[in-house]
Amino acid sequence: MNSLNSSISSHQKGQHLALQDRVIIQVLRSQGQSLRQIARALNCSPTRVKYELERGQISLYHGKRYRYDAQAAQRRYQIRRLNCDRKQAFLAKTRFIKYVETHFFKQGCSLDACAGRALASGAFTRNETVCTKTLYHYVERGLLQIKATDLPECLSRKTKAKRERQHKRQRGRSISERPAAINQRREFGHWECDLVL
């Protein structure tokens, strides 16, 4: 029995295929195994194996035949991964960022006022600006010259709403539930209630 078939793959469902998974696909496909058998060996769906076999093919004999190659598939995957994340608007909108920083430091405007003034004056279009929330995120990340200490409201603002716990542990009766006779202090032993208050 081949050691490749007996070993359990480290691939987990929902994760991207690694180079070793692609090598397993290449070897099992060259042995003539079906998509379902390869999928069982990798612990993934047959559709995923089918798409991987289609994406990772290289042409042989001047484009007359095609074969799956794990190394080529891995290279193509890494190239696609470089372009898959969301691009930051910070680099594309540096002119607006400079505008906000100059108005913030020279005129003492808030970030919201700077963003609103840029749109109201017609100096920038909506596509050339970022929203106020994004500006505050840039301040938190340290991308702007404006620091969190420059924003007086930013440090004192409590972002989490205060809420009462639903299942709060009861530790005895409340002092507000005491009998009215205790307030007259005629019986011995009721003086400590005033000390608790």
N, C-alpha and C. Protein backbone atom coordinates (compact mmCIF):
# COMPACT_ATOMS: atom_id res chain seq x y z
N MET A 1 0.84 -1.18 0.00
CA MET A 1 0.00 0.00 0.00
C MET A 1 0.89 1.25 0.00
N ASN A 2 0.49 2.24 -0.74
CA ASN A 2 1.26 3.47 -0.86
C ASN A 2 1.15 4.26 0.44
N SER A 3 2.24 4.85 0.89
CA SER A 3 2.22 5.63 2.12
C SER A 3 1.39 6.89 1.96
N LEU A 4 1.25 7.34 0.72
CA LEU A 4 0.46 8.54 0.46
C LEU A 4 -1.02 8.28 0.76
N ASN A 5 -1.49 7.07 0.40
CA ASN A 5 -2.89 6.75 0.64
C ASN A 5 -3.17 6.45 2.10
N SER A 6 -2.19 5.93 2.82
CA SER A 6 -2.42 5.55 4.20
C SER A 6 -2.32 6.73 5.15
N SER A 7 -1.61 7.78 4.75
CA SER A 7 -1.45 8.91 5.65
C SER A 7 -2.71 9.78 5.62
N ILE A 8 -3.02 10.36 6.74
CA ILE A 8 -4.19 11.23 6.85
C ILE A 8 -3.76 12.64 6.50
N SER A 9 -4.54 13.30 5.64
CA SER A 9 -4.20 14.65 5.21
C SER A 9 -4.42 15.63 6.35
N SER A 10 -3.59 16.67 6.39
CA SER A 10 -3.73 17.69 7.41
C SER A 10 -4.71 18.78 6.99
N HIS A 11 -5.29 18.63 5.80
CA HIS A 11 -6.22 19.64 5.30
C HIS A 11 -7.51 19.61 6.10
N GLN A 12 -8.01 20.80 6.46
CA GLN A 12 -9.28 20.90 7.17
C GLN A 12 -10.30 21.56 6.27
N LYS A 13 -11.55 21.17 6.42
CA LYS A 13 -12.60 21.73 5.58
C LYS A 13 -12.71 23.23 5.79
N GLY A 14 -12.93 23.95 4.68
CA GLY A 14 -13.08 25.39 4.75
C GLY A 14 -11.79 26.17 4.60
N GLN A 15 -10.65 25.48 4.64
CA GLN A 15 -9.37 26.17 4.51
C GLN A 15 -8.85 26.04 3.09
N HIS A 16 -7.93 26.92 2.73
CA HIS A 16 -7.33 26.88 1.41
C HIS A 16 -6.42 25.67 1.29
N LEU A 17 -6.26 25.20 0.06
CA LEU A 17 -5.38 24.07 -0.17
C LEU A 17 -3.92 24.51 -0.07
N ALA A 18 -3.10 23.68 0.53
CA ALA A 18 -1.67 23.93 0.63
C ALA A 18 -0.96 23.19 -0.50
N LEU A 19 0.34 23.41 -0.60
CA LEU A 19 1.12 22.75 -1.65
C LEU A 19 1.07 21.24 -1.49
N GLN A 20 1.14 20.73 -0.27
CA GLN A 20 1.11 19.28 -0.06
C GLN A 20 -0.23 18.70 -0.48
N ASP A 21 -1.33 19.45 -0.32
CA ASP A 21 -2.64 18.98 -0.78
C ASP A 21 -2.68 18.92 -2.31
N ARG A 22 -2.06 19.89 -2.94
CA ARG A 22 -2.01 19.90 -4.40
C ARG A 22 -1.14 18.76 -4.94
N VAL A 23 -0.07 18.43 -4.22
CA VAL A 23 0.76 17.29 -4.62
C VAL A 23 -0.03 15.99 -4.51
N ILE A 24 -0.84 15.87 -3.45
CA ILE A 24 -1.68 14.68 -3.29
C ILE A 24 -2.67 14.58 -4.45
N ILE A 25 -3.26 15.72 -4.84
CA ILE A 25 -4.19 15.71 -5.97
C ILE A 25 -3.47 15.26 -7.24
N GLN A 26 -2.27 15.76 -7.46
CA GLN A 26 -1.52 15.40 -8.67
C GLN A 26 -1.20 13.91 -8.70
N VAL A 27 -0.73 13.36 -7.57
CA VAL A 27 -0.34 11.94 -7.53
C VAL A 27 -1.56 11.04 -7.69
N LEU A 28 -2.64 11.35 -6.96
CA LEU A 28 -3.83 10.51 -7.04
C LEU A 28 -4.48 10.58 -8.41
N ARG A 29 -4.43 11.76 -9.04
CA ARG A 29 -5.01 11.89 -10.38
C ARG A 29 -4.18 11.11 -11.40
N SER A 30 -2.86 11.11 -11.23
CA SER A 30 -2.01 10.35 -12.15
C SER A 30 -2.21 8.85 -11.98
N GLN A 31 -2.67 8.42 -10.78
CA GLN A 31 -2.98 7.01 -10.54
C GLN A 31 -4.34 6.62 -11.10
N GLY A 32 -5.09 7.62 -11.59
CA GLY A 32 -6.38 7.33 -12.22
C GLY A 32 -7.54 7.31 -11.25
N GLN A 33 -7.39 7.92 -10.08
CA GLN A 33 -8.49 7.92 -9.12
C GLN A 33 -9.52 8.98 -9.49
N SER A 34 -10.75 8.76 -9.07
CA SER A 34 -11.85 9.68 -9.42
C SER A 34 -11.81 10.91 -8.52
N LEU A 35 -12.67 11.88 -8.86
CA LEU A 35 -12.74 13.10 -8.07
C LEU A 35 -13.20 12.82 -6.65
N ARG A 36 -14.15 11.91 -6.50
CA ARG A 36 -14.67 11.59 -5.16
C ARG A 36 -13.62 10.89 -4.30
N GLN A 37 -12.84 10.04 -4.88
CA GLN A 37 -11.79 9.37 -4.12
C GLN A 37 -10.72 10.36 -3.67
N ILE A 38 -10.37 11.30 -4.55
CA ILE A 38 -9.39 12.33 -4.17
C ILE A 38 -9.97 13.24 -3.09
N ALA A 39 -11.25 13.56 -3.21
CA ALA A 39 -11.91 14.43 -2.22
C ALA A 39 -11.95 13.74 -0.86
N ARG A 40 -12.20 12.43 -0.84
CA ARG A 40 -12.21 11.70 0.43
C ARG A 40 -10.82 11.69 1.07
N ALA A 41 -9.79 11.57 0.24
CA ALA A 41 -8.43 11.56 0.77
C ALA A 41 -8.04 12.93 1.34
N LEU A 42 -8.59 14.00 0.77
CA LEU A 42 -8.25 15.35 1.22
C LEU A 42 -9.24 15.91 2.24
N ASN A 43 -10.35 15.23 2.45
CA ASN A 43 -11.40 15.71 3.35
C ASN A 43 -11.99 17.03 2.85
N CYS A 44 -12.34 17.06 1.56
CA CYS A 44 -12.99 18.23 0.98
C CYS A 44 -14.02 17.76 -0.03
N SER A 45 -14.70 18.69 -0.67
CA SER A 45 -15.77 18.32 -1.60
C SER A 45 -15.19 17.97 -2.98
N PRO A 46 -15.89 17.12 -3.73
CA PRO A 46 -15.44 16.79 -5.09
C PRO A 46 -15.44 17.99 -6.02
N THR A 47 -16.33 18.94 -5.79
CA THR A 47 -16.39 20.14 -6.61
C THR A 47 -15.11 20.94 -6.46
N ARG A 48 -14.61 21.01 -5.25
CA ARG A 48 -13.37 21.74 -5.01
C ARG A 48 -12.20 21.10 -5.75
N VAL A 49 -12.16 19.77 -5.75
CA VAL A 49 -11.10 19.06 -6.46
C VAL A 49 -11.23 19.31 -7.96
N LYS A 50 -12.46 19.31 -8.45
CA LYS A 50 -12.69 19.55 -9.88
C LYS A 50 -12.20 20.93 -10.29
N TYR A 51 -12.55 21.97 -9.49
CA TYR A 51 -12.10 23.33 -9.80
C TYR A 51 -10.58 23.45 -9.71
N GLU A 52 -9.99 22.77 -8.74
CA GLU A 52 -8.54 22.82 -8.59
C GLU A 52 -7.84 22.17 -9.78
N LEU A 53 -8.40 21.06 -10.27
CA LEU A 53 -7.82 20.40 -11.43
C LEU A 53 -7.93 21.28 -12.68
N GLU A 54 -9.02 22.04 -12.78
CA GLU A 54 -9.19 22.93 -13.94
C GLU A 54 -8.25 24.13 -13.87
N ARG A 55 -8.07 24.68 -12.67
CA ARG A 55 -7.22 25.87 -12.53
C ARG A 55 -5.74 25.57 -12.66
N GLY A 56 -5.32 24.38 -12.25
CA GLY A 56 -3.89 24.08 -12.18
C GLY A 56 -3.34 23.35 -13.38
N GLN A 57 -4.05 23.37 -14.50
CA GLN A 57 -3.56 22.63 -15.66
C GLN A 57 -2.49 23.42 -16.42
N ILE A 58 -1.53 22.69 -16.96
CA ILE A 58 -0.52 23.28 -17.83
C ILE A 58 -0.62 22.56 -19.18
N SER A 59 -0.24 23.25 -20.23
CA SER A 59 -0.34 22.67 -21.57
C SER A 59 0.96 21.92 -21.92
N LEU A 60 0.79 20.80 -22.57
CA LEU A 60 1.91 19.98 -23.04
C LEU A 60 1.80 19.81 -24.55
N TYR A 61 2.93 19.57 -25.18
CA TYR A 61 2.97 19.28 -26.62
C TYR A 61 2.31 20.39 -27.43
N HIS A 62 2.75 21.62 -27.22
CA HIS A 62 2.29 22.79 -27.97
C HIS A 62 0.78 23.02 -27.78
N GLY A 63 0.27 22.78 -26.59
CA GLY A 63 -1.13 23.05 -26.30
C GLY A 63 -2.09 21.96 -26.74
N LYS A 64 -1.58 20.79 -27.12
CA LYS A 64 -2.47 19.72 -27.57
C LYS A 64 -2.97 18.86 -26.42
N ARG A 65 -2.23 18.80 -25.31
CA ARG A 65 -2.64 18.02 -24.14
C ARG A 65 -2.44 18.87 -22.91
N TYR A 66 -3.26 18.57 -21.87
CA TYR A 66 -3.19 19.31 -20.62
C TYR A 66 -3.02 18.33 -19.47
N ARG A 67 -2.28 18.78 -18.46
CA ARG A 67 -2.05 17.96 -17.28
C ARG A 67 -2.01 18.87 -16.05
N TYR A 68 -2.47 18.34 -14.93
CA TYR A 68 -2.44 19.10 -13.67
C TYR A 68 -1.03 19.08 -13.11
N ASP A 69 -0.55 20.26 -12.70
CA ASP A 69 0.78 20.38 -12.10
C ASP A 69 0.63 21.12 -10.77
N ALA A 70 1.08 20.50 -9.69
CA ALA A 70 0.91 21.08 -8.35
C ALA A 70 1.71 22.36 -8.18
N GLN A 71 2.93 22.40 -8.71
CA GLN A 71 3.78 23.59 -8.55
C GLN A 71 3.17 24.78 -9.29
N ALA A 72 2.69 24.55 -10.51
CA ALA A 72 2.08 25.64 -11.28
C ALA A 72 0.80 26.11 -10.61
N ALA A 73 0.03 25.17 -10.06
CA ALA A 73 -1.20 25.54 -9.38
C ALA A 73 -0.91 26.38 -8.13
N GLN A 74 0.16 26.02 -7.42
CA GLN A 74 0.53 26.78 -6.22
C GLN A 74 0.98 28.19 -6.59
N ARG A 75 1.75 28.33 -7.68
CA ARG A 75 2.19 29.65 -8.13
C ARG A 75 1.00 30.53 -8.52
N ARG A 76 0.06 29.95 -9.26
CA ARG A 76 -1.13 30.71 -9.65
C ARG A 76 -1.95 31.11 -8.44
N TYR A 77 -2.05 30.22 -7.47
CA TYR A 77 -2.80 30.53 -6.24
C TYR A 77 -2.15 31.70 -5.50
N GLN A 78 -0.83 31.71 -5.39
CA GLN A 78 -0.15 32.79 -4.67
C GLN A 78 -0.29 34.12 -5.39
N ILE A 79 -0.28 34.10 -6.72
CA ILE A 79 -0.49 35.34 -7.47
C ILE A 79 -1.90 35.88 -7.26
N ARG A 80 -2.88 34.99 -7.26
CA ARG A 80 -4.26 35.43 -7.02
C ARG A 80 -4.46 35.95 -5.60
N ARG A 81 -3.76 35.34 -4.65
CA ARG A 81 -3.91 35.77 -3.24
C ARG A 81 -3.38 37.17 -3.01
N LEU A 82 -2.41 37.60 -3.81
CA LEU A 82 -1.87 38.96 -3.66
C LEU A 82 -2.90 40.02 -4.01
N ASN A 83 -3.83 39.69 -4.88
CA ASN A 83 -4.81 40.67 -5.35
C ASN A 83 -6.19 40.50 -4.74
N CYS A 84 -6.35 39.61 -3.75
CA CYS A 84 -7.70 39.31 -3.28
C CYS A 84 -8.15 40.18 -2.11
N ASP A 85 -7.26 40.85 -1.42
CA ASP A 85 -7.70 41.62 -0.26
C ASP A 85 -8.21 42.99 -0.67
N ARG A 86 -8.91 43.62 0.24
CA ARG A 86 -9.48 44.93 -0.02
C ARG A 86 -8.37 45.99 0.01
N LYS A 87 -8.39 46.86 -0.97
CA LYS A 87 -7.36 47.88 -1.07
C LYS A 87 -7.69 49.05 -0.14
N GLN A 88 -6.66 49.60 0.47
CA GLN A 88 -6.84 50.73 1.37
C GLN A 88 -7.09 52.00 0.57
N ALA A 89 -8.06 52.79 1.01
CA ALA A 89 -8.35 54.06 0.35
C ALA A 89 -7.38 55.15 0.81
N PHE A 90 -6.55 54.83 1.81
CA PHE A 90 -5.67 55.84 2.39
C PHE A 90 -4.65 56.35 1.36
N LEU A 91 -4.05 55.46 0.60
CA LEU A 91 -3.02 55.86 -0.35
C LEU A 91 -3.62 56.59 -1.55
N ALA A 92 -4.83 56.22 -1.94
CA ALA A 92 -5.45 56.84 -3.11
C ALA A 92 -6.01 58.22 -2.80
N LYS A 93 -6.22 58.52 -1.53
CA LYS A 93 -6.87 59.79 -1.15
C LYS A 93 -5.98 60.63 -0.25
N THR A 94 -4.71 60.68 -0.58
CA THR A 94 -3.76 61.43 0.25
C THR A 94 -4.01 62.94 0.20
N ARG A 95 -4.52 63.45 -0.92
CA ARG A 95 -4.80 64.89 -1.01
C ARG A 95 -5.89 65.29 -0.02
N PHE A 96 -6.92 64.46 0.11
CA PHE A 96 -7.98 64.73 1.09
C PHE A 96 -7.45 64.60 2.51
N ILE A 97 -6.58 63.64 2.76
CA ILE A 97 -6.01 63.45 4.10
C ILE A 97 -5.19 64.68 4.49
N LYS A 98 -4.40 65.21 3.57
CA LYS A 98 -3.62 66.43 3.85
C LYS A 98 -4.55 67.61 4.13
N TYR A 99 -5.64 67.69 3.40
CA TYR A 99 -6.63 68.75 3.62
C TYR A 99 -7.20 68.68 5.03
N VAL A 100 -7.55 67.48 5.46
CA VAL A 100 -8.12 67.29 6.81
C VAL A 100 -7.09 67.66 7.87
N GLU A 101 -5.85 67.23 7.69
CA GLU A 101 -4.81 67.51 8.70
C GLU A 101 -4.53 69.00 8.81
N THR A 102 -4.47 69.72 7.69
CA THR A 102 -4.20 71.16 7.76
C THR A 102 -5.35 71.91 8.41
N HIS A 103 -6.58 71.56 8.07
CA HIS A 103 -7.73 72.24 8.69
C HIS A 103 -7.88 71.89 10.17
N PHE A 104 -7.49 70.67 10.53
CA PHE A 104 -7.59 70.26 11.93
C PHE A 104 -6.61 71.05 12.79
N PHE A 105 -5.37 71.17 12.34
CA PHE A 105 -4.35 71.83 13.15
C PHE A 105 -4.42 73.35 13.07
N LYS A 106 -4.72 73.91 11.90
CA LYS A 106 -4.70 75.37 11.76
C LYS A 106 -5.98 76.03 12.24
N GLN A 107 -7.13 75.43 11.93
CA GLN A 107 -8.41 76.06 12.27
C GLN A 107 -9.09 75.40 13.46
N GLY A 108 -8.58 74.28 13.93
CA GLY A 108 -9.14 73.62 15.11
C GLY A 108 -10.47 72.94 14.84
N CYS A 109 -10.73 72.55 13.61
CA CYS A 109 -11.99 71.87 13.27
C CYS A 109 -11.90 70.40 13.68
N SER A 110 -13.06 69.81 13.95
CA SER A 110 -13.10 68.38 14.23
C SER A 110 -12.98 67.61 12.91
N LEU A 111 -12.77 66.31 13.02
CA LEU A 111 -12.64 65.50 11.81
C LEU A 111 -13.94 65.51 11.01
N ASP A 112 -15.06 65.49 11.71
CA ASP A 112 -16.36 65.51 11.03
C ASP A 112 -16.56 66.84 10.31
N ALA A 113 -16.18 67.94 10.94
CA ALA A 113 -16.32 69.25 10.31
C ALA A 113 -15.40 69.39 9.10
N CYS A 114 -14.20 68.83 9.19
CA CYS A 114 -13.28 68.88 8.04
C CYS A 114 -13.83 68.10 6.86
N ALA A 115 -14.37 66.92 7.13
CA ALA A 115 -14.93 66.11 6.04
C ALA A 115 -16.16 66.78 5.44
N GLY A 116 -17.01 67.36 6.30
CA GLY A 116 -18.20 68.05 5.80
C GLY A 116 -17.85 69.31 5.01
N ARG A 117 -16.86 70.05 5.48
CA ARG A 117 -16.46 71.28 4.79
C ARG A 117 -15.84 70.96 3.43
N ALA A 118 -15.11 69.87 3.34
CA ALA A 118 -14.51 69.49 2.06
C ALA A 118 -15.58 69.20 1.01
N LEU A 119 -16.68 68.58 1.43
CA LEU A 119 -17.76 68.31 0.49
C LEU A 119 -18.60 69.54 0.22
N ALA A 120 -18.88 70.34 1.25
CA ALA A 120 -19.75 71.51 1.09
C ALA A 120 -19.09 72.59 0.23
N SER A 121 -17.78 72.76 0.37
CA SER A 121 -17.09 73.79 -0.41
C SER A 121 -16.86 73.38 -1.86
N GLY A 122 -17.03 72.11 -2.15
CA GLY A 122 -16.82 71.62 -3.51
C GLY A 122 -15.36 71.34 -3.83
N ALA A 123 -14.50 71.38 -2.81
CA ALA A 123 -13.08 71.11 -3.04
C ALA A 123 -12.84 69.64 -3.40
N PHE A 124 -13.70 68.75 -2.91
CA PHE A 124 -13.58 67.32 -3.17
C PHE A 124 -14.95 66.76 -3.51
N THR A 125 -14.97 65.74 -4.33
CA THR A 125 -16.20 65.01 -4.60
C THR A 125 -16.35 63.89 -3.58
N ARG A 126 -17.49 63.22 -3.62
CA ARG A 126 -17.74 62.14 -2.67
C ARG A 126 -16.74 60.99 -2.88
N ASN A 127 -16.35 60.74 -4.11
CA ASN A 127 -15.41 59.65 -4.39
C ASN A 127 -13.99 59.97 -3.95
N GLU A 128 -13.67 61.22 -3.77
CA GLU A 128 -12.32 61.61 -3.37
C GLU A 128 -12.14 61.68 -1.86
N THR A 129 -13.22 61.48 -1.09
CA THR A 129 -13.15 61.59 0.37
C THR A 129 -13.41 60.24 1.01
N VAL A 130 -13.15 60.16 2.30
CA VAL A 130 -13.55 59.02 3.12
C VAL A 130 -14.49 59.54 4.19
N CYS A 131 -15.28 58.64 4.77
CA CYS A 131 -16.25 59.08 5.78
C CYS A 131 -15.54 59.40 7.10
N THR A 132 -16.30 60.01 8.00
CA THR A 132 -15.74 60.43 9.30
C THR A 132 -15.29 59.22 10.12
N LYS A 133 -16.06 58.15 10.07
CA LYS A 133 -15.70 56.96 10.84
C LYS A 133 -14.36 56.41 10.37
N THR A 134 -14.13 56.44 9.06
CA THR A 134 -12.85 55.97 8.53
C THR A 134 -11.71 56.87 8.99
N LEU A 135 -11.96 58.17 9.07
CA LEU A 135 -10.93 59.09 9.56
C LEU A 135 -10.55 58.76 11.01
N TYR A 136 -11.54 58.46 11.84
CA TYR A 136 -11.25 58.08 13.23
C TYR A 136 -10.48 56.76 13.29
N HIS A 137 -10.80 55.83 12.37
CA HIS A 137 -10.03 54.58 12.32
C HIS A 137 -8.58 54.84 11.94
N TYR A 138 -8.37 55.78 11.02
CA TYR A 138 -7.00 56.13 10.64
C TYR A 138 -6.24 56.73 11.82
N VAL A 139 -6.93 57.52 12.65
CA VAL A 139 -6.29 58.09 13.84
C VAL A 139 -5.91 56.99 14.81
N GLU A 140 -6.81 56.01 15.01
CA GLU A 140 -6.53 54.91 15.94
C GLU A 140 -5.35 54.07 15.47
N ARG A 141 -5.22 53.89 14.16
CA ARG A 141 -4.12 53.10 13.63
C ARG A 141 -2.81 53.86 13.55
N GLY A 142 -2.86 55.18 13.70
CA GLY A 142 -1.66 55.99 13.63
C GLY A 142 -1.25 56.35 12.22
N LEU A 143 -2.19 56.35 11.28
CA LEU A 143 -1.87 56.68 9.89
C LEU A 143 -1.84 58.18 9.64
N LEU A 144 -2.48 58.96 10.51
CA LEU A 144 -2.52 60.41 10.35
C LEU A 144 -1.52 61.06 11.32
N GLN A 145 -1.25 62.33 11.07
CA GLN A 145 -0.43 63.09 12.02
C GLN A 145 -1.25 63.44 13.26
N ILE A 146 -2.55 63.33 13.18
CA ILE A 146 -3.44 63.59 14.30
C ILE A 146 -3.39 62.37 15.23
N LYS A 147 -3.19 62.62 16.50
CA LYS A 147 -3.15 61.55 17.49
C LYS A 147 -4.45 61.54 18.30
N ALA A 148 -4.67 60.45 19.01
CA ALA A 148 -5.88 60.34 19.83
C ALA A 148 -5.88 61.37 20.96
N THR A 149 -4.70 61.79 21.40
CA THR A 149 -4.61 62.79 22.46
C THR A 149 -5.01 64.18 21.95
N ASP A 150 -4.97 64.38 20.63
CA ASP A 150 -5.40 65.66 20.05
C ASP A 150 -6.92 65.78 20.00
N LEU A 151 -7.62 64.67 20.15
CA LEU A 151 -9.09 64.66 20.10
C LEU A 151 -9.62 64.56 21.53
N PRO A 152 -10.12 65.66 22.09
CA PRO A 152 -10.54 65.62 23.50
C PRO A 152 -11.71 64.68 23.75
N GLU A 153 -12.64 64.58 22.82
CA GLU A 153 -13.80 63.71 23.02
C GLU A 153 -13.44 62.24 22.85
N CYS A 154 -12.43 61.96 22.05
CA CYS A 154 -12.09 60.58 21.72
C CYS A 154 -11.62 59.81 22.96
N LEU A 155 -10.89 60.47 23.84
CA LEU A 155 -10.37 59.78 25.03
C LEU A 155 -11.41 59.64 26.12
N SER A 156 -12.34 60.58 26.20
CA SER A 156 -13.32 60.53 27.28
C SER A 156 -14.59 59.80 26.89
N ARG A 157 -14.79 59.54 25.61
CA ARG A 157 -16.02 58.90 25.17
C ARG A 157 -16.03 57.43 25.54
N LYS A 158 -17.14 56.98 26.10
CA LYS A 158 -17.30 55.57 26.42
C LYS A 158 -18.14 54.95 25.32
N THR A 159 -17.54 54.06 24.56
CA THR A 159 -18.22 53.50 23.40
C THR A 159 -19.21 52.40 23.77
N LYS A 160 -18.96 51.70 24.86
CA LYS A 160 -19.85 50.60 25.23
C LYS A 160 -21.01 51.14 26.07
N ALA A 161 -22.20 50.72 25.74
CA ALA A 161 -23.37 51.12 26.49
C ALA A 161 -23.39 50.37 27.83
N LYS A 162 -23.72 51.09 28.88
CA LYS A 162 -23.78 50.46 30.19
C LYS A 162 -25.07 49.68 30.29
N ARG A 163 -24.99 48.45 30.72
CA ARG A 163 -26.20 47.63 30.81
C ARG A 163 -26.19 46.87 32.13
N GLU A 164 -27.38 46.59 32.58
CA GLU A 164 -27.54 45.82 33.81
C GLU A 164 -27.46 44.33 33.49
N ARG A 165 -26.83 43.60 34.35
CA ARG A 165 -26.76 42.16 34.15
C ARG A 165 -28.12 41.55 34.42
N GLN A 166 -28.53 40.62 33.57
CA GLN A 166 -29.84 39.99 33.74
C GLN A 166 -29.84 39.02 34.91
N HIS A 167 -28.82 38.23 35.04
CA HIS A 167 -28.77 37.20 36.07
C HIS A 167 -27.78 37.59 37.16
N LYS A 168 -28.05 38.73 37.76
CA LYS A 168 -27.17 39.21 38.80
C LYS A 168 -27.42 38.42 40.08
N ARG A 169 -26.35 38.05 40.74
CA ARG A 169 -26.49 37.24 41.95
C ARG A 169 -27.05 38.09 43.09
N GLN A 170 -28.04 37.57 43.74
CA GLN A 170 -28.66 38.25 44.88
C GLN A 170 -27.88 37.87 46.14
N ARG A 171 -27.35 38.85 46.84
CA ARG A 171 -26.58 38.59 48.07
C ARG A 171 -27.35 39.13 49.26
N GLY A 172 -28.45 38.51 49.57
CA GLY A 172 -29.25 38.94 50.71
C GLY A 172 -30.25 40.02 50.31
N ARG A 173 -31.02 40.46 51.29
CA ARG A 173 -32.04 41.48 51.04
C ARG A 173 -31.41 42.86 50.99
N SER A 174 -32.05 43.74 50.24
CA SER A 174 -31.56 45.09 50.13
C SER A 174 -31.89 45.88 51.39
N ILE A 175 -31.10 46.91 51.68
CA ILE A 175 -31.34 47.73 52.88
C ILE A 175 -32.60 48.58 52.71
N SER A 176 -33.02 48.79 51.46
CA SER A 176 -34.25 49.57 51.25
C SER A 176 -35.50 48.77 51.59
N GLU A 177 -35.36 47.45 51.77
CA GLU A 177 -36.51 46.61 52.12
C GLU A 177 -36.66 46.41 53.63
N ARG A 178 -35.93 47.14 54.45
CA ARG A 178 -36.01 46.94 55.90
C ARG A 178 -37.33 47.49 56.45
N PRO A 179 -37.77 47.00 57.57
CA PRO A 179 -39.02 47.48 58.17
C PRO A 179 -38.91 48.92 58.63
N ALA A 180 -40.06 49.59 58.72
CA ALA A 180 -40.08 51.00 59.11
C ALA A 180 -39.70 51.19 60.58
N ALA A 181 -39.87 50.18 61.41
CA ALA A 181 -39.56 50.30 62.83
C ALA A 181 -38.06 50.49 63.08
N ILE A 182 -37.24 50.07 62.14
CA ILE A 182 -35.80 50.19 62.32
C ILE A 182 -35.38 51.66 62.24
N ASN A 183 -36.06 52.45 61.43
CA ASN A 183 -35.70 53.86 61.29
C ASN A 183 -35.91 54.65 62.58
N GLN A 184 -36.77 54.18 63.47
CA GLN A 184 -37.00 54.89 64.74
C GLN A 184 -35.88 54.64 65.74
N ARG A 185 -35.11 53.58 65.59
CA ARG A 185 -33.96 53.23 66.43
C ARG A 185 -34.34 53.09 67.92
N ARG A 186 -35.42 52.45 68.21
CA ARG A 186 -35.81 52.25 69.61
C ARG A 186 -35.36 50.90 70.13
N GLU A 187 -35.17 49.96 69.22
CA GLU A 187 -34.73 48.63 69.65
C GLU A 187 -33.21 48.57 69.63
N PHE A 188 -32.67 47.71 70.50
CA PHE A 188 -31.23 47.56 70.56
C PHE A 188 -30.73 46.76 69.35
N GLY A 189 -29.64 47.20 68.74
CA GLY A 189 -29.02 46.45 67.66
C GLY A 189 -29.33 47.00 66.28
N HIS A 190 -30.09 48.11 66.18
CA HIS A 190 -30.39 48.68 64.87
C HIS A 190 -29.50 49.88 64.53
N TRP A 191 -28.50 50.11 65.32
CA TRP A 191 -27.64 51.28 65.06
C TRP A 191 -26.69 51.02 63.88
N GLU A 192 -26.37 49.75 63.62
CA GLU A 192 -25.39 49.48 62.55
C GLU A 192 -25.96 49.76 61.15
N CYS A 193 -27.28 49.89 61.02
CA CYS A 193 -27.86 50.19 59.72
C CYS A 193 -27.39 51.56 59.23
N ASP A 194 -27.27 52.51 60.15
CA ASP A 194 -26.80 53.84 59.76
C ASP A 194 -25.33 53.79 59.34
N LEU A 195 -24.57 52.90 59.95
CA LEU A 195 -23.16 52.80 59.57
C LEU A 195 -23.02 52.21 58.17
N VAL A 196 -23.93 51.33 57.77
CA VAL A 196 -23.87 50.75 56.42
C VAL A 196 -24.13 51.82 55.37
N LEU A 197 -25.08 52.69 55.66
CA LEU A 197 -25.36 53.78 54.73
C LEU A 197 -24.17 54.72 54.65
